[in-house]
Amino acid sequence: MSEHITALNLVLNEVQPKFSSLLRRVSKILKFTKLLY
């Protein structure tokens, strides 16, 4: 079970930066659309 958790942590460490940058991009787009409408 602990091996599974460490693997999950490794995946999260890989995905998190990409996910946070994606979230930032989405929030920028949302702000832009709010300005337009």
N, C-alpha and C. Protein backbone atom coordinates (compact mmCIF):
# COMPACT_ATOMS: atom_id res chain seq x y z
N MET A 1 0.83 -1.21 0.00
CA MET A 1 0.00 0.00 0.00
C MET A 1 0.87 1.26 0.00
N SER A 2 1.93 1.24 0.79
CA SER A 2 2.80 2.42 0.87
C SER A 2 3.48 2.71 -0.47
N GLU A 3 3.82 1.64 -1.21
CA GLU A 3 4.42 1.82 -2.54
C GLU A 3 3.45 2.52 -3.48
N HIS A 4 2.18 2.16 -3.36
CA HIS A 4 1.15 2.78 -4.18
C HIS A 4 1.06 4.27 -3.87
N ILE A 5 1.14 4.62 -2.59
CA ILE A 5 1.05 6.02 -2.16
C ILE A 5 2.24 6.82 -2.70
N THR A 6 3.44 6.26 -2.64
CA THR A 6 4.62 6.97 -3.13
C THR A 6 4.54 7.18 -4.64
N ALA A 7 4.02 6.18 -5.36
CA ALA A 7 3.84 6.31 -6.80
C ALA A 7 2.85 7.43 -7.10
N LEU A 8 1.78 7.48 -6.31
CA LEU A 8 0.78 8.53 -6.47
C LEU A 8 1.39 9.90 -6.21
N ASN A 9 2.24 9.99 -5.18
CA ASN A 9 2.91 11.25 -4.87
C ASN A 9 3.82 11.69 -6.01
N LEU A 10 4.53 10.74 -6.62
CA LEU A 10 5.39 11.06 -7.75
C LEU A 10 4.58 11.60 -8.92
N VAL A 11 3.46 10.97 -9.20
CA VAL A 11 2.58 11.42 -10.28
C VAL A 11 2.06 12.82 -9.98
N LEU A 12 1.64 13.05 -8.73
CA LEU A 12 1.14 14.36 -8.33
C LEU A 12 2.21 15.42 -8.48
N ASN A 13 3.44 15.10 -8.09
CA ASN A 13 4.55 16.05 -8.22
C ASN A 13 4.80 16.40 -9.68
N GLU A 14 4.62 15.44 -10.58
CA GLU A 14 4.79 15.70 -12.00
C GLU A 14 3.65 16.54 -12.56
N VAL A 15 2.43 16.23 -12.14
CA VAL A 15 1.24 16.85 -12.73
C VAL A 15 0.96 18.24 -12.16
N GLN A 16 1.28 18.45 -10.87
CA GLN A 16 0.87 19.67 -10.19
C GLN A 16 1.34 20.97 -10.86
N PRO A 17 2.63 21.10 -11.25
CA PRO A 17 3.05 22.34 -11.91
C PRO A 17 2.28 22.63 -13.20
N LYS A 18 2.08 21.58 -14.00
CA LYS A 18 1.32 21.74 -15.24
C LYS A 18 -0.11 22.15 -14.94
N PHE A 19 -0.68 21.52 -13.90
CA PHE A 19 -2.06 21.80 -13.53
C PHE A 19 -2.21 23.23 -13.03
N SER A 20 -1.24 23.68 -12.21
CA SER A 20 -1.31 25.04 -11.67
C SER A 20 -1.16 26.08 -12.78
N SER A 21 -0.27 25.81 -13.74
CA SER A 21 -0.11 26.73 -14.86
C SER A 21 -1.38 26.76 -15.71
N LEU A 22 -1.99 25.60 -15.89
CA LEU A 22 -3.26 25.51 -16.62
C LEU A 22 -4.34 26.30 -15.91
N LEU A 23 -4.40 26.16 -14.58
CA LEU A 23 -5.38 26.91 -13.79
C LEU A 23 -5.16 28.41 -13.93
N ARG A 24 -3.89 28.82 -13.91
CA ARG A 24 -3.57 30.24 -14.05
C ARG A 24 -4.04 30.76 -15.40
N ARG A 25 -3.81 29.96 -16.45
CA ARG A 25 -4.23 30.33 -17.79
C ARG A 25 -5.75 30.45 -17.87
N VAL A 26 -6.44 29.49 -17.26
CA VAL A 26 -7.91 29.50 -17.25
C VAL A 26 -8.43 30.73 -16.52
N SER A 27 -7.81 31.06 -15.38
CA SER A 27 -8.26 32.24 -14.63
C SER A 27 -8.02 33.52 -15.42
N LYS A 28 -6.91 33.58 -16.16
CA LYS A 28 -6.65 34.74 -17.02
C LYS A 28 -7.72 34.86 -18.09
N ILE A 29 -8.07 33.74 -18.71
CA ILE A 29 -9.10 33.73 -19.74
C ILE A 29 -10.45 34.16 -19.16
N LEU A 30 -10.76 33.68 -17.95
CA LEU A 30 -12.01 34.05 -17.29
C LEU A 30 -12.05 35.55 -17.01
N LYS A 31 -10.94 36.10 -16.53
CA LYS A 31 -10.89 37.55 -16.28
C LYS A 31 -11.08 38.32 -17.58
N PHE A 32 -10.46 37.83 -18.65
CA PHE A 32 -10.57 38.49 -19.94
C PHE A 32 -12.01 38.48 -20.44
N THR A 33 -12.68 37.32 -20.31
CA THR A 33 -14.07 37.23 -20.76
C THR A 33 -14.98 38.11 -19.90
N LYS A 34 -14.66 38.23 -18.61
CA LYS A 34 -15.45 39.11 -17.75
C LYS A 34 -15.30 40.56 -18.20
N LEU A 35 -14.10 40.92 -18.64
CA LEU A 35 -13.89 42.28 -19.15
C LEU A 35 -14.69 42.51 -20.43
N LEU A 36 -14.77 41.49 -21.27
CA LEU A 36 -15.49 41.63 -22.53
C LEU A 36 -16.99 41.74 -22.32
N TYR A 37 -17.52 40.94 -21.38
CA TYR A 37 -18.98 40.92 -21.20
C TYR A 37 -19.41 41.86 -20.08
